Amino acid sequence: MDLTHSKLFGGVAILDSLVDSYKYAPHWHDEFVFAVYRGGAKRYRCARHTGTATSGDVLVIAPRTLHSAATFDETGWNYRALYFDPVQLAQATGLSVAKLDIRFRDFTHISQKPGLAIKLFEALDAGNETELALSEWLLSIPAECDAGTNAAPPERLANVYDRILDDPLSPMKLAELSSLAGITPEHLSRAFRRAYGVSPFQLVTAARIHAACRHIRQGKPLADAAYLAGFSDQSHMNRWIKRSYGISPRFLARDQ
């Protein structure tokens, strides 16, 4: 995997990922992600949606949308992803930050549109006109959208989800969370996984991983970042960041 920061719109990050076998643990980003697939296949779980992305597909993932993925078979995957923070995407599209979440919803899978995928690579190879071409490409996406229509999770499960994200560092027990939802612990585990694709424990872990990455980007030493994010030690944090984002914490630190 190769992650670089371009000069586009003030530093849009670009990831090129070519692997034979890999599995992303559940995680989220603070940026809008636009991923274009050039080969192989990826099984994904994104918000309440599941599916397989193959060559010619485009995935659009909004900030703080929980997702995970794994290679489908021995062919691995080959994709390029662009990461726009909300201000960069507003600059690129001319839309207000408030309208971005409407235009680019939590998750969109545009299937078998090789023309759309090819246009991204043409845009990135447009020289001095790259920003113009990329802006046009981004604004062409909504007309092609095929977003999922799954119903939102019940409020009782959303309360548990919010409780975890409000304070992921505090100790919590399944009995406490099930009491908040008004259902048994066994029922909560099954219902939560159906609604969000992860268990309560996996959501806690994803939140702590995200917190650790934030501390690292702020320049904190890796050992301090691990402690502040609630990991038992630095090596524990290192393993989870690598599993979730495919890059090492030391790369994050150097990248700053």
Protein backbone atom coordinates (compact mmCIF):
# COMPACT_ATOMS: atom_id res chain seq x y z
CA MET A 1 0.00 0.00 0.00
CA ASP A 2 1.26 3.44 -0.94
CA LEU A 3 -0.23 6.54 0.73
CA THR A 4 0.81 9.99 -0.47
CA HIS A 5 -0.40 13.55 0.01
CA SER A 6 -0.96 15.34 -3.28
CA LYS A 7 -1.00 19.09 -3.92
CA LEU A 8 -4.62 18.87 -5.06
CA PHE A 9 -7.01 21.13 -3.16
CA GLY A 10 -4.53 21.72 -0.38
CA GLY A 11 -3.33 18.14 0.18
CA VAL A 12 -5.84 15.44 -0.79
CA ALA A 13 -4.43 12.05 0.27
CA ILE A 14 -4.22 9.29 -2.35
CA LEU A 15 -3.89 5.58 -1.51
CA ASP A 16 -2.85 2.96 -4.06
CA SER A 17 -3.56 -0.53 -2.72
CA LEU A 18 -2.46 -3.68 -4.52
CA VAL A 19 -2.51 -6.82 -2.36
CA ASP A 20 -2.98 -10.57 -2.73
CA SER A 21 -4.67 -11.03 0.63
CA TYR A 22 -5.79 -8.56 3.30
CA LYS A 23 -8.51 -7.86 5.83
CA TYR A 24 -9.41 -4.44 7.22
CA ALA A 25 -10.78 -4.41 10.76
CA PRO A 26 -13.80 -2.14 11.33
CA HIS A 27 -12.77 1.53 11.24
CA TRP A 28 -13.77 4.93 9.94
CA HIS A 29 -12.19 8.05 8.47
CA ASP A 30 -12.66 11.75 9.09
CA GLU A 31 -12.58 12.31 5.33
CA PHE A 32 -14.87 11.48 2.42
CA VAL A 33 -13.41 8.45 0.63
CA PHE A 34 -13.74 7.87 -3.12
CA ALA A 35 -12.34 4.44 -4.06
CA VAL A 36 -12.06 3.20 -7.65
CA TYR A 37 -11.37 -0.50 -8.32
CA ARG A 38 -9.01 -1.59 -11.06
CA GLY A 39 -8.84 -5.33 -10.42
CA GLY A 40 -9.55 -8.18 -8.02
CA ALA A 41 -12.48 -8.03 -5.63
CA LYS A 42 -13.26 -6.81 -2.14
CA ARG A 43 -15.99 -8.00 0.20
CA TYR A 44 -17.11 -5.09 2.33
CA ARG A 45 -19.42 -4.15 5.15
CA CYS A 46 -20.14 -0.43 5.18
CA ALA A 47 -22.70 1.07 7.56
CA ARG A 48 -25.70 -1.23 7.04
CA HIS A 49 -24.66 -2.35 3.57
CA THR A 50 -22.77 -5.45 2.43
CA GLY A 51 -21.48 -6.35 -1.00
CA THR A 52 -18.52 -7.02 -3.27
CA ALA A 53 -16.59 -4.37 -5.18
CA THR A 54 -14.93 -5.49 -8.42
CA SER A 55 -13.08 -3.91 -11.33
CA GLY A 56 -14.86 -0.82 -12.63
CA ASP A 57 -16.76 -0.16 -9.38
CA VAL A 58 -16.67 3.02 -7.32
CA LEU A 59 -17.30 3.24 -3.57
CA VAL A 60 -18.08 6.52 -1.84
CA ILE A 61 -17.84 6.53 1.97
CA ALA A 62 -18.80 9.52 4.11
CA PRO A 63 -16.84 10.59 7.22
CA ARG A 64 -17.35 8.53 10.38
CA THR A 65 -19.03 5.73 8.45
CA LEU A 66 -17.94 2.45 10.01
CA HIS A 67 -16.66 -0.07 7.47
CA SER A 68 -14.55 -3.20 7.09
CA ALA A 69 -13.37 -5.30 4.15
CA ALA A 70 -11.46 -8.38 3.05
CA THR A 71 -10.08 -9.74 -0.19
CA PHE A 72 -12.56 -12.03 -1.95
CA ASP A 73 -10.14 -14.69 -3.22
CA GLU A 74 -6.55 -15.23 -4.33
CA THR A 75 -6.83 -12.48 -6.96
CA GLY A 76 -6.58 -9.91 -4.16
CA TRP A 77 -7.60 -6.34 -4.94
CA ASN A 78 -6.26 -3.31 -6.80
CA TYR A 79 -7.79 0.09 -6.11
CA ARG A 80 -7.03 3.78 -5.76
CA ALA A 81 -8.71 5.87 -3.07
CA LEU A 82 -8.86 9.65 -2.62
CA TYR A 83 -9.45 11.16 0.83
CA PHE A 84 -11.05 14.63 0.93
CA ASP A 85 -11.65 16.37 4.21
CA PRO A 86 -14.97 18.31 4.16
CA VAL A 87 -13.29 21.66 3.46
CA GLN A 88 -11.31 20.20 0.55
CA LEU A 89 -14.41 18.54 -0.91
CA ALA A 90 -16.39 21.77 -0.58
CA GLN A 91 -13.62 23.58 -2.44
CA ALA A 92 -13.52 20.91 -5.15
CA THR A 93 -17.28 20.78 -5.73
CA GLY A 94 -18.42 24.29 -4.91
CA LEU A 95 -20.93 22.85 -2.46
CA SER A 96 -21.26 24.08 1.09
CA VAL A 97 -19.94 21.78 3.80
CA ALA A 98 -23.53 21.44 5.07
CA LYS A 99 -24.67 20.07 1.70
CA LEU A 100 -21.93 17.48 1.32
CA ASP A 101 -23.63 14.92 3.57
CA ILE A 102 -26.74 15.20 1.41
CA ARG A 103 -24.91 14.92 -1.91
CA PHE A 104 -22.53 12.18 -0.74
CA ARG A 105 -24.53 10.03 1.65
CA ASP A 106 -23.17 7.59 4.22
CA PHE A 107 -22.33 5.03 1.56
CA THR A 108 -22.72 4.55 -2.20
CA HIS A 109 -21.68 1.60 -4.37
CA ILE A 110 -21.63 2.43 -8.06
CA SER A 111 -21.40 -0.96 -9.73
CA GLN A 112 -19.91 -1.82 -13.11
CA LYS A 113 -19.36 1.72 -14.37
CA PRO A 114 -15.91 1.38 -15.94
CA GLY A 115 -16.35 4.67 -17.76
CA LEU A 116 -16.69 6.52 -14.47
CA ALA A 117 -13.63 4.75 -13.07
CA ILE A 118 -11.55 5.51 -16.17
CA LYS A 119 -12.51 9.19 -15.96
CA LEU A 120 -10.94 9.45 -12.51
CA PHE A 121 -7.57 8.23 -13.78
CA GLU A 122 -7.87 10.57 -16.76
CA ALA A 123 -8.58 13.43 -14.35
CA LEU A 124 -5.53 12.62 -12.24
CA ASP A 125 -3.40 12.68 -15.40
CA ALA A 126 -4.70 16.00 -16.67
CA GLY A 127 -1.63 18.03 -15.74
CA ASN A 128 -2.40 21.66 -14.98
CA GLU A 129 -6.11 20.97 -15.41
CA THR A 130 -6.22 18.11 -12.86
CA GLU A 131 -8.22 20.06 -10.27
CA LEU A 132 -10.79 21.13 -12.88
CA ALA A 133 -11.15 17.57 -14.23
CA LEU A 134 -11.36 16.12 -10.72
CA SER A 135 -14.07 18.62 -9.73
CA GLU A 136 -16.12 17.59 -12.76
CA TRP A 137 -15.62 13.91 -11.90
CA LEU A 138 -16.81 14.41 -8.31
CA LEU A 139 -19.92 16.24 -9.44
CA SER A 140 -20.74 13.48 -11.94
CA ILE A 141 -21.05 10.90 -9.17
CA PRO A 142 -24.51 11.67 -7.72
CA ALA A 143 -26.24 11.15 -11.06
CA GLU A 144 -24.76 7.64 -11.13
CA CYS A 145 -25.57 6.77 -7.52
CA ASP A 146 -27.07 3.46 -6.52
CA ALA A 147 -27.23 3.93 -2.77
CA GLY A 148 -28.67 1.30 -0.46
CA THR A 149 -32.09 1.77 1.11
CA ASN A 150 -31.79 -0.23 4.32
CA ALA A 151 -33.83 1.16 7.19
CA ALA A 152 -32.07 2.98 10.00
CA PRO A 153 -31.40 0.93 13.16
CA PRO A 154 -34.00 1.13 15.97
CA GLU A 155 -33.58 3.98 18.42
CA ARG A 156 -32.70 1.62 21.28
CA LEU A 157 -29.69 0.35 19.32
CA ALA A 158 -28.77 3.86 18.21
CA ASN A 159 -28.68 4.83 21.90
CA VAL A 160 -26.11 2.12 22.56
CA TYR A 161 -24.10 3.16 19.50
CA ASP A 162 -24.06 6.78 20.68
CA ARG A 163 -23.17 5.77 24.24
CA ILE A 164 -20.10 3.92 23.00
CA LEU A 165 -18.91 6.74 20.77
CA ASP A 166 -19.57 9.42 23.39
CA ASP A 167 -17.02 7.88 25.75
CA PRO A 168 -15.20 4.85 24.29
CA LEU A 169 -12.43 5.05 26.90
CA SER A 170 -14.68 4.45 29.89
CA PRO A 171 -15.11 0.86 31.09
CA MET A 172 -18.44 -0.60 29.99
CA LYS A 173 -20.17 -3.92 30.39
CA LEU A 174 -22.57 -5.72 28.09
CA ALA A 175 -25.14 -5.76 30.90
CA GLU A 176 -24.96 -1.95 31.11
CA LEU A 177 -25.42 -1.54 27.38
CA SER A 178 -28.27 -4.05 27.20
CA SER A 179 -30.01 -2.24 30.05
CA LEU A 180 -29.73 0.99 28.08
CA ALA A 181 -31.36 -0.73 25.09
CA GLY A 182 -33.99 -2.43 27.24
CA ILE A 183 -33.18 -5.91 25.93
CA THR A 184 -31.18 -8.91 27.10
CA PRO A 185 -27.39 -9.04 26.55
CA GLU A 186 -27.76 -11.95 24.13
CA HIS A 187 -30.40 -10.12 22.12
CA LEU A 188 -28.28 -6.95 22.07
CA SER A 189 -25.24 -8.75 20.67
CA ARG A 190 -27.23 -10.25 17.80
CA ALA A 191 -29.32 -7.17 17.04
CA PHE A 192 -26.37 -4.76 17.20
CA ARG A 193 -24.33 -6.85 14.78
CA ARG A 194 -27.25 -7.09 12.36
CA ALA A 195 -27.77 -3.32 12.49
CA TYR A 196 -24.16 -2.13 12.30
CA GLY A 197 -22.15 -5.08 11.05
CA VAL A 198 -19.98 -5.08 14.18
CA SER A 199 -20.33 -6.09 17.82
CA PRO A 200 -20.32 -3.47 20.62
CA PHE A 201 -16.75 -4.56 21.43
CA GLN A 202 -15.64 -4.01 17.83
CA LEU A 203 -17.16 -0.53 17.85
CA VAL A 204 -15.30 0.33 21.06
CA THR A 205 -12.06 -0.89 19.48
CA ALA A 206 -12.68 1.12 16.29
CA ALA A 207 -13.29 4.26 18.35
CA ARG A 208 -10.07 3.74 20.30
CA ILE A 209 -8.09 3.13 17.12
CA HIS A 210 -9.44 6.37 15.69
CA ALA A 211 -8.51 8.22 18.89
CA ALA A 212 -4.98 6.79 18.76
CA CYS A 213 -4.52 7.97 15.17
CA ARG A 214 -5.72 11.43 16.14
CA HIS A 215 -3.18 11.63 18.97
CA ILE A 216 -0.39 10.46 16.65
CA ARG A 217 -1.30 13.07 14.03
CA GLN A 218 -1.17 15.68 16.77
CA GLY A 219 2.46 14.75 17.35
CA LYS A 220 2.18 12.76 20.57
CA PRO A 221 4.73 9.96 21.14
CA LEU A 222 3.40 6.54 20.18
CA ALA A 223 3.47 5.24 23.77
CA ASP A 224 1.48 8.27 24.94
CA ALA A 225 -1.01 7.87 22.11
CA ALA A 226 -1.57 4.24 23.07
CA TYR A 227 -2.17 5.16 26.72
CA LEU A 228 -4.51 8.06 25.91
CA ALA A 229 -6.54 5.88 23.54
CA GLY A 230 -7.02 3.13 26.11
CA PHE A 231 -4.71 0.44 24.73
CA SER A 232 -2.79 -1.82 27.10
CA ASP A 233 0.54 -0.93 25.45
CA GLN A 234 2.08 0.49 22.30
CA SER A 235 2.43 -2.86 20.51
CA HIS A 236 -1.27 -3.55 21.05
CA MET A 237 -2.12 -0.20 19.44
CA ASN A 238 0.35 -0.81 16.59
CA ARG A 239 -1.30 -4.10 15.65
CA TRP A 240 -4.80 -2.62 15.59
CA ILE A 241 -3.85 0.43 13.51
CA LYS A 242 -2.13 -1.81 10.97
CA ARG A 243 -5.15 -4.12 10.82
CA SER A 244 -7.56 -1.22 10.39
CA TYR A 245 -5.78 1.16 8.03
CA GLY A 246 -3.07 -0.94 6.43
CA ILE A 247 -0.29 1.43 7.54
CA SER A 248 1.94 1.56 10.60
CA PRO A 249 1.67 4.16 13.38
CA ARG A 250 5.26 5.21 12.61
CA PHE A 251 4.15 6.05 9.07
CA LEU A 252 1.39 8.24 10.49
CA ALA A 253 3.92 9.98 12.72
CA ARG A 254 6.37 10.56 9.85
CA ASP A 255 3.56 11.70 7.58
CA GLN A 256 2.94 14.68 9.82
